[in-house]
Amino acid sequence: MQFDVAGRGTSAQNDEKQVWVGAHCFMLMRSVMLLKSAIG
């Protein structure tokens, strides 16, 4: 997953966005894993 953040806001804001996206991706992956183990 990549976002075009060129020329938008400061680098700090861009870093914050990346952290937010990363955290949500991690939570999504984790819930999928838990679901698989629960079903499996």
N, C-alpha and C. Protein backbone atom coordinates (compact mmCIF):
# COMPACT_ATOMS: atom_id res chain seq x y z
N MET A 1 0.84 -1.21 0.00
CA MET A 1 0.00 0.00 0.00
C MET A 1 0.87 1.25 0.00
N GLN A 2 0.73 2.05 -1.01
CA GLN A 2 1.52 3.28 -1.11
C GLN A 2 0.60 4.46 -1.38
N PHE A 3 0.93 5.59 -0.75
CA PHE A 3 0.14 6.80 -0.96
C PHE A 3 1.02 7.89 -1.55
N ASP A 4 0.46 8.69 -2.42
CA ASP A 4 1.20 9.81 -2.99
C ASP A 4 1.10 10.98 -2.03
N VAL A 5 2.19 11.23 -1.30
CA VAL A 5 2.17 12.30 -0.30
C VAL A 5 3.11 13.43 -0.71
N ALA A 6 3.51 13.45 -1.98
CA ALA A 6 4.45 14.46 -2.45
C ALA A 6 3.82 15.85 -2.38
N GLY A 7 4.49 16.75 -1.68
CA GLY A 7 4.04 18.14 -1.63
C GLY A 7 2.81 18.35 -0.78
N ARG A 8 2.48 17.41 0.08
CA ARG A 8 1.31 17.58 0.94
C ARG A 8 1.74 17.62 2.40
N GLY A 9 1.59 18.77 3.04
CA GLY A 9 1.92 18.89 4.46
C GLY A 9 3.41 18.77 4.72
N THR A 10 3.76 18.67 5.99
CA THR A 10 5.16 18.55 6.39
C THR A 10 5.56 17.08 6.44
N SER A 11 6.85 16.83 6.56
CA SER A 11 7.33 15.45 6.65
C SER A 11 6.81 14.79 7.93
N ALA A 12 6.62 15.58 8.98
CA ALA A 12 6.09 15.04 10.24
C ALA A 12 4.68 14.51 10.03
N GLN A 13 3.87 15.25 9.30
CA GLN A 13 2.50 14.81 9.03
C GLN A 13 2.51 13.53 8.18
N ASN A 14 3.42 13.48 7.22
CA ASN A 14 3.52 12.29 6.37
C ASN A 14 3.93 11.08 7.19
N ASP A 15 4.88 11.28 8.12
CA ASP A 15 5.31 10.18 8.98
C ASP A 15 4.14 9.69 9.83
N GLU A 16 3.36 10.64 10.33
CA GLU A 16 2.21 10.29 11.17
C GLU A 16 1.22 9.44 10.38
N LYS A 17 1.01 9.83 9.12
CA LYS A 17 0.08 9.10 8.25
C LYS A 17 0.59 7.67 8.03
N GLN A 18 1.90 7.54 7.80
CA GLN A 18 2.48 6.22 7.57
C GLN A 18 2.33 5.33 8.80
N VAL A 19 2.53 5.92 9.99
CA VAL A 19 2.38 5.18 11.24
C VAL A 19 0.94 4.72 11.40
N TRP A 20 0.00 5.62 11.10
CA TRP A 20 -1.43 5.31 11.23
C TRP A 20 -1.80 4.16 10.30
N VAL A 21 -1.36 4.25 9.05
CA VAL A 21 -1.66 3.20 8.06
C VAL A 21 -1.02 1.88 8.48
N GLY A 22 0.23 1.97 8.95
CA GLY A 22 0.95 0.77 9.37
C GLY A 22 0.25 0.07 10.53
N ALA A 23 -0.22 0.86 11.49
CA ALA A 23 -0.90 0.29 12.66
C ALA A 23 -2.19 -0.41 12.24
N HIS A 24 -2.93 0.22 11.33
CA HIS A 24 -4.19 -0.38 10.89
C HIS A 24 -3.95 -1.64 10.07
N CYS A 25 -2.91 -1.62 9.25
CA CYS A 25 -2.58 -2.82 8.48
C CYS A 25 -2.21 -3.96 9.43
N PHE A 26 -1.43 -3.64 10.47
CA PHE A 26 -1.01 -4.65 11.45
C PHE A 26 -2.22 -5.24 12.16
N MET A 27 -3.14 -4.38 12.59
CA MET A 27 -4.33 -4.85 13.29
C MET A 27 -5.19 -5.72 12.38
N LEU A 28 -5.28 -5.32 11.11
CA LEU A 28 -6.06 -6.09 10.14
C LEU A 28 -5.46 -7.48 9.96
N MET A 29 -4.13 -7.53 9.76
CA MET A 29 -3.44 -8.80 9.58
C MET A 29 -3.64 -9.68 10.81
N ARG A 30 -3.54 -9.07 11.99
CA ARG A 30 -3.64 -9.81 13.24
C ARG A 30 -5.04 -10.42 13.40
N SER A 31 -6.06 -9.62 13.09
CA SER A 31 -7.43 -10.13 13.23
C SER A 31 -7.69 -11.24 12.22
N VAL A 32 -7.10 -11.13 11.04
CA VAL A 32 -7.24 -12.19 10.03
C VAL A 32 -6.59 -13.48 10.54
N MET A 33 -5.40 -13.35 11.14
CA MET A 33 -4.69 -14.51 11.67
C MET A 33 -5.51 -15.17 12.78
N LEU A 34 -6.06 -14.34 13.68
CA LEU A 34 -6.87 -14.87 14.78
C LEU A 34 -8.10 -15.58 14.23
N LEU A 35 -8.71 -14.99 13.22
CA LEU A 35 -9.90 -15.59 12.61
C LEU A 35 -9.55 -16.95 12.00
N LYS A 36 -8.42 -17.00 11.29
CA LYS A 36 -7.99 -18.25 10.66
C LYS A 36 -7.74 -19.33 11.71
N SER A 37 -7.06 -18.96 12.80
CA SER A 37 -6.75 -19.94 13.84
C SER A 37 -8.03 -20.38 14.56
N ALA A 38 -9.00 -19.48 14.68
CA ALA A 38 -10.26 -19.82 15.33
C ALA A 38 -11.06 -20.80 14.47
N ILE A 39 -11.03 -20.58 13.16
CA ILE A 39 -11.77 -21.44 12.23
C ILE A 39 -11.02 -22.77 12.05
N GLY A 40 -9.71 -22.64 11.82
CA GLY A 40 -8.86 -23.76 11.47
C GLY A 40 -8.85 -24.88 12.49
